[in-house]
Every structure is written in C-alpha cells, then in structure tokens.
Amino acid sequence: MEGSLTWDSTFEIVLALKKAYPDASIEEFSLNDIFRMTTGLENFVDDPNLANDKILEEIYMEWFEESL
C-alpha cells in the first residue's frame, strides 16, 4: 500500500496526525492517546503490539517540535 505508515516512520506519522487533528495541541495528549490516534490512522498498517513507550515518545517529541 502506497503511503503506508509503520512504527518506523515516526515523522510521517506526525505529518498524518497533524493533518487528521489540525487544531490539536500536543501538550493535551498522553502516550495512550498518541497510540490510539496513530493506530486509528487510515494508512497505519503495522502491528499495534509492537508499540512501546520509546516509539510513542519519539512521535510525541516529533509532533511537539513540528508545532513550535
């Protein structure tokens, strides 16, 4: 699938999350929220069981930095 998202594509996940939630403020989200939102993305194809705090923190930090 073209444009498929996996846990390895944190920057692309952030871009997709920003598009899906344009008015969202990253500071309001927990890692559980990031997990739920990421696995709910239409293009997300990876195994949700592979997620861990390190990956979710990377997504959080990328999103935070993109929001500055």
PDB file of N, CA and C in Angstrom:
ATOM      1  N   MET A   1       0.849  -1.187   0.000  1.00  0.00           N
ATOM      2  CA  MET A   1       0.000   0.000   0.000  1.00  0.00           C
ATOM      3  C   MET A   1       0.888   1.241   0.000  1.00  0.00           C
ATOM      4  N   GLU A   2       0.669   2.109  -0.965  1.00  0.00           N
ATOM      5  CA  GLU A   2       1.433   3.357  -1.059  1.00  0.00           C
ATOM      6  C   GLU A   2       1.094   4.259   0.123  1.00  0.00           C
ATOM      7  N   GLY A   3       2.119   4.846   0.731  1.00  0.00           N
ATOM      8  CA  GLY A   3       1.893   5.756   1.848  1.00  0.00           C
ATOM      9  C   GLY A   3       1.575   5.051   3.148  1.00  0.00           C
ATOM     10  N   SER A   4       1.867   3.761   3.212  1.00  0.00           N
ATOM     11  CA  SER A   4       1.599   3.015   4.433  1.00  0.00           C
ATOM     12  C   SER A   4       2.483   3.502   5.566  1.00  0.00           C
ATOM     13  N   LEU A   5       1.914   3.545   6.751  1.00  0.00           N
ATOM     14  CA  LEU A   5       2.641   4.003   7.935  1.00  0.00           C
ATOM     15  C   LEU A   5       2.943   2.832   8.849  1.00  0.00           C
ATOM     16  N   THR A   6       4.179   2.809   9.341  1.00  0.00           N
ATOM     17  CA  THR A   6       4.592   1.809  10.323  1.00  0.00           C
ATOM     18  C   THR A   6       5.242   2.537  11.495  1.00  0.00           C
ATOM     19  N   TRP A   7       5.525   1.803  12.544  1.00  0.00           N
ATOM     20  CA  TRP A   7       6.142   2.420  13.729  1.00  0.00           C
ATOM     21  C   TRP A   7       7.501   3.023  13.405  1.00  0.00           C
ATOM     22  N   ASP A   8       8.157   2.574  12.357  1.00  0.00           N
ATOM     23  CA  ASP A   8       9.459   3.114  11.975  1.00  0.00           C
ATOM     24  C   ASP A   8       9.357   4.480  11.302  1.00  0.00           C
ATOM     25  N   SER A   9       8.182   4.861  10.865  1.00  0.00           N
ATOM     26  CA  SER A   9       8.024   6.117  10.109  1.00  0.00           C
ATOM     27  C   SER A   9       7.433   7.214  11.003  1.00  0.00           C
ATOM     28  N   THR A  10       8.162   7.538  12.077  1.00  0.00           N
ATOM     29  CA  THR A  10       7.611   8.479  13.062  1.00  0.00           C
ATOM     30  C   THR A  10       7.323   9.856  12.463  1.00  0.00           C
ATOM     31  N   PHE A  11       8.194  10.368  11.608  1.00  0.00           N
ATOM     32  CA  PHE A  11       7.953  11.696  11.042  1.00  0.00           C
ATOM     33  C   PHE A  11       6.705  11.688  10.164  1.00  0.00           C
ATOM     34  N   GLU A  12       6.544  10.661   9.353  1.00  0.00           N
ATOM     35  CA  GLU A  12       5.369  10.555   8.500  1.00  0.00           C
ATOM     36  C   GLU A  12       4.095  10.385   9.336  1.00  0.00           C
ATOM     37  N   ILE A  13       4.205   9.671  10.448  1.00  0.00           N
ATOM     38  CA  ILE A  13       3.065   9.534  11.366  1.00  0.00           C
ATOM     39  C   ILE A  13       2.678  10.905  11.903  1.00  0.00           C
ATOM     40  N   VAL A  14       3.672  11.683  12.299  1.00  0.00           N
ATOM     41  CA  VAL A  14       3.393  13.021  12.824  1.00  0.00           C
ATOM     42  C   VAL A  14       2.689  13.879  11.775  1.00  0.00           C
ATOM     43  N   LEU A  15       3.160  13.838  10.548  1.00  0.00           N
ATOM     44  CA  LEU A  15       2.508  14.617   9.487  1.00  0.00           C
ATOM     45  C   LEU A  15       1.056  14.179   9.306  1.00  0.00           C
ATOM     46  N   ALA A  16       0.819  12.873   9.353  1.00  0.00           N
ATOM     47  CA  ALA A  16      -0.543  12.352   9.225  1.00  0.00           C
ATOM     48  C   ALA A  16      -1.410  12.761  10.417  1.00  0.00           C
ATOM     49  N   LEU A  17      -0.833  12.729  11.623  1.00  0.00           N
ATOM     50  CA  LEU A  17      -1.586  13.139  12.817  1.00  0.00           C
ATOM     51  C   LEU A  17      -1.922  14.625  12.766  1.00  0.00           C
ATOM     52  N   LYS A  18      -0.959  15.432  12.328  1.00  0.00           N
ATOM     53  CA  LYS A  18      -1.221  16.872  12.221  1.00  0.00           C
ATOM     54  C   LYS A  18      -2.328  17.157  11.212  1.00  0.00           C
ATOM     55  N   LYS A  19      -2.368  16.391  10.143  1.00  0.00           N
ATOM     56  CA  LYS A  19      -3.415  16.556   9.137  1.00  0.00           C
ATOM     57  C   LYS A  19      -4.766  16.086   9.679  1.00  0.00           C
ATOM     58  N   ALA A  20      -4.761  14.984  10.406  1.00  0.00           N
ATOM     59  CA  ALA A  20      -6.001  14.422  10.951  1.00  0.00           C
ATOM     60  C   ALA A  20      -6.548  15.240  12.121  1.00  0.00           C
ATOM     61  N   TYR A  21      -5.649  15.885  12.862  1.00  0.00           N
ATOM     62  CA  TYR A  21      -6.030  16.660  14.052  1.00  0.00           C
ATOM     63  C   TYR A  21      -5.397  18.048  13.977  1.00  0.00           C
ATOM     64  N   PRO A  22      -5.822  18.874  13.029  1.00  0.00           N
ATOM     65  CA  PRO A  22      -5.141  20.161  12.784  1.00  0.00           C
ATOM     66  C   PRO A  22      -5.228  21.159  13.941  1.00  0.00           C
ATOM     67  N   ASP A  23      -6.247  21.074  14.754  1.00  0.00           N
ATOM     68  CA  ASP A  23      -6.407  22.023  15.855  1.00  0.00           C
ATOM     69  C   ASP A  23      -5.951  21.460  17.189  1.00  0.00           C
ATOM     70  N   ALA A  24      -5.358  20.274  17.154  1.00  0.00           N
ATOM     71  CA  ALA A  24      -4.952  19.616  18.394  1.00  0.00           C
ATOM     72  C   ALA A  24      -3.697  20.256  18.970  1.00  0.00           C
ATOM     73  N   SER A  25      -3.636  20.268  20.283  1.00  0.00           N
ATOM     74  CA  SER A  25      -2.453  20.739  20.999  1.00  0.00           C
ATOM     75  C   SER A  25      -1.779  19.520  21.622  1.00  0.00           C
ATOM     76  N   ILE A  26      -0.579  19.217  21.157  1.00  0.00           N
ATOM     77  CA  ILE A  26       0.120  18.008  21.579  1.00  0.00           C
ATOM     78  C   ILE A  26       0.256  17.910  23.093  1.00  0.00           C
ATOM     79  N   GLU A  27       0.355  19.039  23.771  1.00  0.00           N
ATOM     80  CA  GLU A  27       0.524  19.018  25.226  1.00  0.00           C
ATOM     81  C   GLU A  27      -0.664  18.380  25.944  1.00  0.00           C
ATOM     82  N   GLU A  28      -1.796  18.269  25.273  1.00  0.00           N
ATOM     83  CA  GLU A  28      -3.002  17.710  25.886  1.00  0.00           C
ATOM     84  C   GLU A  28      -3.044  16.190  25.826  1.00  0.00           C
ATOM     85  N   PHE A  29      -2.120  15.564  25.091  1.00  0.00           N
ATOM     86  CA  PHE A  29      -2.208  14.131  24.846  1.00  0.00           C
ATOM     87  C   PHE A  29      -1.242  13.323  25.690  1.00  0.00           C
ATOM     88  N   SER A  30      -1.710  12.158  26.098  1.00  0.00           N
ATOM     89  CA  SER A  30      -0.855  11.184  26.783  1.00  0.00           C
ATOM     90  C   SER A  30      -0.299  10.222  25.735  1.00  0.00           C
ATOM     91  N   LEU A  31       0.619   9.376  26.141  1.00  0.00           N
ATOM     92  CA  LEU A  31       1.143   8.375  25.221  1.00  0.00           C
ATOM     93  C   LEU A  31       0.044   7.411  24.784  1.00  0.00           C
ATOM     94  N   ASN A  32      -0.899   7.129  25.668  1.00  0.00           N
ATOM     95  CA  ASN A  32      -2.034   6.282  25.284  1.00  0.00           C
ATOM     96  C   ASN A  32      -2.860   6.940  24.190  1.00  0.00           C
ATOM     97  N   ASP A  33      -3.039   8.256  24.283  1.00  0.00           N
ATOM     98  CA  ASP A  33      -3.754   8.990  23.234  1.00  0.00           C
ATOM     99  C   ASP A  33      -2.997   8.895  21.914  1.00  0.00           C
ATOM    100  N   ILE A  34      -1.684   9.082  21.961  1.00  0.00           N
ATOM    101  CA  ILE A  34      -0.858   9.007  20.751  1.00  0.00           C
ATOM    102  C   ILE A  34      -0.987   7.615  20.124  1.00  0.00           C
ATOM    103  N   PHE A  35      -0.953   6.588  20.953  1.00  0.00           N
ATOM    104  CA  PHE A  35      -1.120   5.216  20.465  1.00  0.00           C
ATOM    105  C   PHE A  35      -2.462   5.054  19.762  1.00  0.00           C
ATOM    106  N   ARG A  36      -3.522   5.464  20.416  1.00  0.00           N
ATOM    107  CA  ARG A  36      -4.875   5.322  19.869  1.00  0.00           C
ATOM    108  C   ARG A  36      -5.020   6.094  18.562  1.00  0.00           C
ATOM    109  N   MET A  37      -4.520   7.316  18.539  1.00  0.00           N
ATOM    110  CA  MET A  37      -4.636   8.154  17.349  1.00  0.00           C
ATOM    111  C   MET A  37      -3.816   7.582  16.192  1.00  0.00           C
ATOM    112  N   THR A  38      -2.620   7.089  16.501  1.00  0.00           N
ATOM    113  CA  THR A  38      -1.746   6.541  15.463  1.00  0.00           C
ATOM    114  C   THR A  38      -2.339   5.273  14.864  1.00  0.00           C
ATOM    115  N   THR A  39      -2.750   4.358  15.714  1.00  0.00           N
ATOM    116  CA  THR A  39      -3.308   3.105  15.203  1.00  0.00           C
ATOM    117  C   THR A  39      -4.644   3.331  14.503  1.00  0.00           C
ATOM    118  N   GLY A  40      -5.275   4.460  14.746  1.00  0.00           N
ATOM    119  CA  GLY A  40      -6.524   4.792  14.082  1.00  0.00           C
ATOM    120  C   GLY A  40      -6.357   5.469  12.731  1.00  0.00           C
ATOM    121  N   LEU A  41      -5.112   5.820  12.383  1.00  0.00           N
ATOM    122  CA  LEU A  41      -4.876   6.450  11.084  1.00  0.00           C
ATOM    123  C   LEU A  41      -5.183   5.457   9.966  1.00  0.00           C
ATOM    124  N   GLU A  42      -5.809   5.945   8.913  1.00  0.00           N
ATOM    125  CA  GLU A  42      -6.226   5.094   7.800  1.00  0.00           C
ATOM    126  C   GLU A  42      -5.067   4.333   7.169  1.00  0.00           C
ATOM    127  N   ASN A  43      -3.903   4.972   7.062  1.00  0.00           N
ATOM    128  CA  ASN A  43      -2.749   4.359   6.397  1.00  0.00           C
ATOM    129  C   ASN A  43      -1.870   3.549   7.336  1.00  0.00           C
ATOM    130  N   PHE A  44      -2.216   3.483   8.613  1.00  0.00           N
ATOM    131  CA  PHE A  44      -1.364   2.761   9.553  1.00  0.00           C
ATOM    132  C   PHE A  44      -1.575   1.261   9.367  1.00  0.00           C
ATOM    133  N   VAL A  45      -0.473   0.546   9.072  1.00  0.00           N
ATOM    134  CA  VAL A  45      -0.584  -0.883   8.750  1.00  0.00           C
ATOM    135  C   VAL A  45       0.242  -1.786   9.665  1.00  0.00           C
ATOM    136  N   ASP A  46       0.959  -1.219  10.621  1.00  0.00           N
ATOM    137  CA  ASP A  46       1.845  -2.020  11.464  1.00  0.00           C
ATOM    138  C   ASP A  46       1.067  -2.699  12.589  1.00  0.00           C
ATOM    139  N   ASP A  47       1.726  -3.621  13.239  1.00  0.00           N
ATOM    140  CA  ASP A  47       1.144  -4.363  14.356  1.00  0.00           C
ATOM    141  C   ASP A  47       1.106  -3.461  15.599  1.00  0.00           C
ATOM    142  N   PRO A  48      -0.076  -3.171  16.123  1.00  0.00           N
ATOM    143  CA  PRO A  48      -0.167  -2.322  17.322  1.00  0.00           C
ATOM    144  C   PRO A  48       0.612  -2.886  18.503  1.00  0.00           C
ATOM    145  N   ASN A  49       0.790  -4.198  18.545  1.00  0.00           N
ATOM    146  CA  ASN A  49       1.505  -4.829  19.657  1.00  0.00           C
ATOM    147  C   ASN A  49       2.996  -4.514  19.662  1.00  0.00           C
ATOM    148  N   LEU A  50       3.505  -3.965  18.567  1.00  0.00           N
ATOM    149  CA  LEU A  50       4.929  -3.602  18.505  1.00  0.00           C
ATOM    150  C   LEU A  50       5.218  -2.242  19.128  1.00  0.00           C
ATOM    151  N   ALA A  51       4.184  -1.506  19.465  1.00  0.00           N
ATOM    152  CA  ALA A  51       4.366  -0.178  20.061  1.00  0.00           C
ATOM    153  C   ALA A  51       4.989  -0.305  21.443  1.00  0.00           C
ATOM    154  N   ASN A  52       5.814   0.695  21.775  1.00  0.00           N
ATOM    155  CA  ASN A  52       6.368   0.770  23.121  1.00  0.00           C
ATOM    156  C   ASN A  52       6.526   2.251  23.474  1.00  0.00           C
ATOM    157  N   ASP A  53       6.850   2.526  24.717  1.00  0.00           N
ATOM    158  CA  ASP A  53       6.957   3.913  25.168  1.00  0.00           C
ATOM    159  C   ASP A  53       7.988   4.706  24.373  1.00  0.00           C
ATOM    160  N   LYS A  54       9.090   4.078  24.003  1.00  0.00           N
ATOM    161  CA  LYS A  54      10.140   4.782  23.246  1.00  0.00           C
ATOM    162  C   LYS A  54       9.598   5.281  21.907  1.00  0.00           C
ATOM    163  N   ILE A  55       8.904   4.430  21.192  1.00  0.00           N
ATOM    164  CA  ILE A  55       8.329   4.819  19.897  1.00  0.00           C
ATOM    165  C   ILE A  55       7.304   5.925  20.086  1.00  0.00           C
ATOM    166  N   LEU A  56       6.423   5.764  21.056  1.00  0.00           N
ATOM    167  CA  LEU A  56       5.375   6.760  21.293  1.00  0.00           C
ATOM    168  C   LEU A  56       5.976   8.091  21.741  1.00  0.00           C
ATOM    169  N   GLU A  57       7.032   8.052  22.535  1.00  0.00           N
ATOM    170  CA  GLU A  57       7.716   9.280  22.952  1.00  0.00           C
ATOM    171  C   GLU A  57       8.375   9.966  21.758  1.00  0.00           C
ATOM    172  N   GLU A  58       8.927   9.183  20.823  1.00  0.00           N
ATOM    173  CA  GLU A  58       9.518   9.762  19.614  1.00  0.00           C
ATOM    174  C   GLU A  58       8.447  10.489  18.786  1.00  0.00           C
ATOM    175  N   ILE A  59       7.288   9.870  18.657  1.00  0.00           N
ATOM    176  CA  ILE A  59       6.188  10.507  17.925  1.00  0.00           C
ATOM    177  C   ILE A  59       5.777  11.785  18.640  1.00  0.00           C
ATOM    178  N   TYR A  60       5.652  11.710  19.957  1.00  0.00           N
ATOM    179  CA  TYR A  60       5.278  12.884  20.747  1.00  0.00           C
ATOM    180  C   TYR A  60       6.273  14.024  20.537  1.00  0.00           C
ATOM    181  N   MET A  61       7.569  13.706  20.639  1.00  0.00           N
ATOM    182  CA  MET A  61       8.596  14.750  20.513  1.00  0.00           C
ATOM    183  C   MET A  61       8.636  15.339  19.105  1.00  0.00           C
ATOM    184  N   GLU A  62       8.496  14.479  18.091  1.00  0.00           N
ATOM    185  CA  GLU A  62       8.459  14.985  16.696  1.00  0.00           C
ATOM    186  C   GLU A  62       7.286  15.926  16.525  1.00  0.00           C
ATOM    187  N   TRP A  63       6.128  15.543  17.051  1.00  0.00           N
ATOM    188  CA  TRP A  63       4.934  16.392  16.911  1.00  0.00           C
ATOM    189  C   TRP A  63       5.144  17.695  17.656  1.00  0.00           C
ATOM    190  N   PHE A  64       5.696  17.616  18.854  1.00  0.00           N
ATOM    191  CA  PHE A  64       5.964  18.824  19.634  1.00  0.00           C
ATOM    192  C   PHE A  64       6.880  19.767  18.863  1.00  0.00           C
ATOM    193  N   GLU A  65       7.972  19.231  18.311  1.00  0.00           N
ATOM    194  CA  GLU A  65       8.926  20.051  17.568  1.00  0.00           C
ATOM    195  C   GLU A  65       8.298  20.645  16.314  1.00  0.00           C
ATOM    196  N   GLU A  66       7.436  19.894  15.654  1.00  0.00           N
ATOM    197  CA  GLU A  66       6.750  20.403  14.459  1.00  0.00           C
ATOM    198  C   GLU A  66       5.747  21.494  14.803  1.00  0.00           C
ATOM    199  N   SER A  67       5.330  21.526  16.058  1.00  0.00           N
ATOM    200  CA  SER A  67       4.336  22.520  16.487  1.00  0.00           C
ATOM    201  C   SER A  67       4.948  23.828  16.922  1.00  0.00           C
ATOM    202  N   LEU A  68       6.255  23.873  17.068  1.00  0.00           N
ATOM    203  CA  LEU A  68       6.928  25.097  17.522  1.00  0.00           C
ATOM    204  C   LEU A  68       6.970  26.151  16.437  1.00  0.00           C
TER     205      LEU A  68
END
